[in-house]
């Protein structure tokens, strides 16, 4: 109940309780920790496809989104070393915060409520970055598909050592965009915004 407050407010109480009971009847949890039970509940829903998923097709995605908020809030702080917080994000290798997660959903999970419950997924997916800021507050940022691709590349790039400009050139090539410089300029603005939010920590310093 405490992990999924939005879901609990949307789903009728009898259906919510019957789904929870069915989970505990059918599923053998693999972890002794209470905080791991909500994640196993999501995995069970995806595998079992209980009645609630047919009535509320966004159920599993909203559950994952609410779980991500809890999980990120209690995640251990991983301190990255050899980071220049003021480094050039184009010529350097941008450092993505380990407390920033890229999420994609068919339904706009961040907008669901008692008043808004679409029965069909919109044409366009919802892309979100959920992150813990410098004050240990869990926040989210809605982004578009191109920014989502950039964040995904930056996350994959932590060991590949591509510069921010190289990542943006790759995106321009994938988009077959006629003006590469426009993509690079736009991408630099986005990366600076991500840095101001604490999603990017700066750039990796070269190891000597």
Protein backbone atom coordinates (compact mmCIF):
# COMPACT_ATOMS: atom_id res chain seq x y z
CA UNK A 1 0.00 0.00 0.00
CA UNK A 2 2.78 2.45 0.87
CA UNK A 3 4.84 1.65 -2.23
CA UNK A 4 1.96 2.07 -4.69
CA UNK A 5 -0.22 4.92 -3.34
CA UNK A 6 -1.40 6.14 -6.76
CA UNK A 7 -2.33 2.63 -7.88
CA UNK A 8 -4.16 1.99 -4.62
CA UNK A 9 -6.16 5.21 -5.09
CA UNK A 10 -7.16 4.25 -8.65
CA UNK A 11 -8.02 0.56 -8.29
CA UNK A 12 -11.19 -0.36 -6.35
CA UNK A 13 -10.29 -1.67 -2.90
CA UNK A 14 -11.76 -5.14 -3.41
CA UNK A 15 -9.80 -5.66 -6.64
CA UNK A 16 -6.63 -4.24 -5.07
CA UNK A 17 -6.88 -6.58 -2.08
CA UNK A 18 -7.74 -9.65 -4.16
CA UNK A 19 -4.74 -8.99 -6.44
CA UNK A 20 -2.41 -8.59 -3.45
CA UNK A 21 -3.76 -11.78 -1.85
CA UNK A 22 -3.34 -13.73 -5.08
CA UNK A 23 0.28 -12.55 -5.27
CA UNK A 24 1.05 -13.77 -1.76
CA UNK A 25 -0.74 -17.07 -2.40
CA UNK A 26 1.00 -17.83 -5.71
CA UNK A 27 4.42 -16.24 -5.43
CA UNK A 28 7.41 -17.40 -3.41
CA UNK A 29 9.57 -14.34 -2.79
CA UNK A 30 13.28 -14.74 -3.50
CA UNK A 31 14.44 -12.11 -1.01
CA UNK A 32 13.89 -11.83 2.76
CA UNK A 33 13.84 -8.02 2.61
CA UNK A 34 10.49 -6.25 2.77
CA UNK A 35 11.70 -3.56 0.36
CA UNK A 36 12.21 -6.21 -2.34
CA UNK A 37 8.60 -7.44 -2.19
CA UNK A 38 7.18 -4.59 -4.36
CA UNK A 39 9.66 -5.39 -7.15
CA UNK A 40 8.69 -9.06 -7.04
CA UNK A 41 5.03 -8.01 -7.15
CA UNK A 42 5.71 -6.14 -10.41
CA UNK A 43 7.54 -9.12 -11.88
CA UNK A 44 4.67 -11.40 -10.84
CA UNK A 45 2.12 -9.09 -12.50
CA UNK A 46 4.09 -9.09 -15.75
CA UNK A 47 4.38 -12.88 -15.76
CA UNK A 48 0.93 -13.75 -14.36
CA UNK A 49 -1.18 -11.03 -16.05
CA UNK A 50 -3.88 -10.95 -13.35
CA UNK A 51 -7.37 -9.57 -13.91
CA UNK A 52 -6.37 -6.09 -12.77
CA UNK A 53 -4.07 -5.73 -15.82
CA UNK A 54 -6.99 -6.32 -18.15
CA UNK A 55 -9.10 -3.67 -16.44
CA UNK A 56 -6.23 -1.23 -15.92
CA UNK A 57 -3.73 -1.78 -18.78
CA UNK A 58 -1.33 0.78 -17.31
CA UNK A 59 -1.18 -1.06 -13.97
CA UNK A 60 2.24 -2.74 -14.39
CA UNK A 61 3.91 0.39 -15.78
CA UNK A 62 2.53 2.64 -13.05
CA UNK A 63 3.61 0.09 -10.45
CA UNK A 64 7.14 0.12 -11.89
CA UNK A 65 7.23 3.92 -11.87
CA UNK A 66 6.12 4.09 -8.23
CA UNK A 67 8.59 1.35 -7.28
CA UNK A 68 11.42 3.24 -9.04
CA UNK A 69 10.75 6.27 -6.84
CA UNK A 70 11.07 4.13 -3.71
CA UNK A 71 14.10 2.22 -4.96
CA UNK A 72 16.00 5.33 -6.01
CA UNK A 73 15.19 7.02 -2.72
CA UNK A 74 16.92 4.26 -0.74
CA UNK A 75 19.74 3.48 -3.20
CA UNK A 76 23.24 3.80 -1.83
CA UNK A 77 25.05 6.95 -2.89
CA UNK A 78 27.85 6.00 -5.29
CA UNK A 79 30.56 8.65 -5.30
CA UNK A 80 32.25 9.00 -8.69
CA UNK A 81 35.85 10.10 -8.57
CA UNK A 82 37.94 11.93 -11.18
CA UNK A 83 35.06 14.19 -12.24
CA UNK A 84 35.40 17.78 -13.42
CA UNK A 85 32.03 19.39 -12.53
CA UNK A 86 32.74 22.29 -14.89
CA UNK A 87 34.19 20.24 -17.76
CA UNK A 88 33.27 20.92 -21.38
CA UNK A 89 30.43 18.53 -22.19
CA UNK A 90 31.17 18.55 -25.92
CA UNK A 91 34.90 17.95 -25.91
CA UNK A 92 34.90 15.87 -22.72
CA UNK A 93 33.24 12.59 -21.74
CA UNK A 94 30.01 13.48 -19.87
CA UNK A 95 29.55 11.70 -16.54
CA UNK A 96 26.00 10.48 -15.92
CA UNK A 97 24.96 10.31 -12.27
CA UNK A 98 24.49 6.71 -11.05
CA UNK A 99 21.39 8.07 -9.30
CA UNK A 100 19.73 9.02 -12.61
CA UNK A 101 17.66 6.35 -14.33
CA UNK A 102 16.25 6.50 -17.84
CA UNK A 103 12.70 5.10 -18.01
CA UNK A 104 10.33 4.59 -20.95
CA UNK A 105 6.65 3.68 -20.73
CA UNK A 106 3.77 3.17 -23.16
CA UNK A 107 1.47 5.08 -20.81
CA UNK A 108 2.11 8.55 -19.32
CA UNK A 109 2.56 7.12 -15.82
CA UNK A 110 3.53 10.47 -14.30
CA UNK A 111 0.12 11.92 -15.22
CA UNK A 112 -2.16 9.06 -14.13
CA UNK A 113 -4.65 9.85 -11.38
CA UNK A 114 -8.24 9.33 -10.28
CA UNK A 115 -9.27 11.74 -13.06
CA UNK A 116 -6.97 10.49 -15.85
CA UNK A 117 -6.92 6.77 -16.66
CA UNK A 118 -6.55 6.08 -20.40
CA UNK A 119 -7.64 2.64 -21.56
CA UNK A 120 -5.28 2.67 -24.54
CA UNK A 121 -1.66 3.76 -24.72
CA UNK A 122 -1.07 7.04 -26.60
CA UNK A 123 0.66 6.95 -29.96
CA UNK A 124 3.90 8.28 -28.48
CA UNK A 125 5.72 6.69 -25.56
CA UNK A 126 6.58 8.64 -22.41
CA UNK A 127 10.26 9.10 -21.59
CA UNK A 128 11.30 10.08 -18.08
CA UNK A 129 14.51 10.57 -16.17
CA UNK A 130 14.03 9.84 -12.49
CA UNK A 131 16.92 11.06 -10.39
CA UNK A 132 18.02 11.97 -6.88
CA UNK A 133 19.31 15.50 -6.70
CA UNK A 134 22.04 17.03 -4.56
CA UNK A 135 19.56 17.45 -1.70
CA UNK A 136 18.62 13.73 -1.80
CA UNK A 137 15.18 14.54 -3.21
CA UNK A 138 13.81 12.16 -5.86
CA UNK A 139 12.69 14.13 -8.92
CA UNK A 140 11.64 13.34 -12.44
CA UNK A 141 12.08 15.10 -15.75
CA UNK A 142 9.94 14.42 -18.80
CA UNK A 143 11.98 14.34 -22.01
CA UNK A 144 11.46 13.60 -25.69
CA UNK A 145 12.69 10.61 -27.69
CA UNK A 146 15.85 12.35 -28.95
CA UNK A 147 16.92 13.42 -25.45
CA UNK A 148 16.13 9.90 -24.24
CA UNK A 149 18.46 8.51 -26.89
CA UNK A 150 21.17 10.96 -25.80
CA UNK A 151 20.83 9.96 -22.13
CA UNK A 152 20.92 6.28 -23.09
CA UNK A 153 24.10 6.84 -25.11
CA UNK A 154 25.71 8.76 -22.26
CA UNK A 155 24.84 5.93 -19.88
CA UNK A 156 26.34 3.33 -22.21
CA UNK A 157 29.34 5.59 -22.79
CA UNK A 158 30.81 5.54 -19.28
CA UNK A 159 33.42 2.99 -20.35
CA UNK A 160 33.49 3.77 -24.07
CA UNK A 161 34.94 7.26 -23.55
CA UNK A 162 33.12 8.97 -26.42
CA UNK A 163 32.93 12.73 -26.09
CA UNK A 164 29.59 14.48 -25.87
CA UNK A 165 30.10 15.78 -29.41
CA UNK A 166 30.75 12.27 -30.74
CA UNK A 167 27.53 11.03 -29.13
CA UNK A 168 25.59 13.90 -30.71
CA UNK A 169 27.11 13.22 -34.12
CA UNK A 170 25.95 9.62 -33.80
CA UNK A 171 22.43 10.82 -33.06
CA UNK A 172 22.52 13.17 -36.06
CA UNK A 173 23.54 10.23 -38.24
CA UNK A 174 20.75 8.04 -36.82
CA UNK A 175 18.22 10.81 -37.49
CA UNK A 176 19.70 11.47 -40.95
CA UNK A 177 19.49 15.14 -39.99
CA UNK A 178 20.77 17.50 -42.71
CA UNK A 179 22.33 19.95 -40.24
CA UNK A 180 24.72 18.17 -37.89
CA UNK A 181 25.78 21.41 -36.23
CA UNK A 182 22.17 22.17 -35.25
CA UNK A 183 21.93 18.81 -33.46
CA UNK A 184 25.23 19.45 -31.68
CA UNK A 185 24.13 22.92 -30.59
CA UNK A 186 20.77 21.61 -29.39
CA UNK A 187 22.45 18.70 -27.62
CA UNK A 188 24.91 20.97 -25.82
CA UNK A 189 21.99 23.00 -24.43
CA UNK A 190 20.26 19.81 -23.27
CA UNK A 191 23.44 18.49 -21.61
CA UNK A 192 23.98 21.76 -19.77
CA UNK A 193 20.39 21.58 -18.52
CA UNK A 194 20.97 17.99 -17.37
CA UNK A 195 24.10 19.11 -15.53
CA UNK A 196 22.25 21.94 -13.77
CA UNK A 197 19.70 19.37 -12.56
CA UNK A 198 22.42 17.04 -11.26
CA UNK A 199 21.69 14.33 -13.83
CA UNK A 200 25.08 14.91 -15.40
CA UNK A 201 27.85 15.43 -12.85
CA UNK A 202 30.34 17.00 -15.26
CA UNK A 203 33.00 15.23 -17.32
CA UNK A 204 35.34 12.39 -16.62
CA UNK A 205 38.93 13.43 -16.05
CA UNK A 206 41.50 11.66 -18.20
CA UNK A 207 43.36 8.99 -16.26
CA UNK A 208 47.08 9.65 -16.41
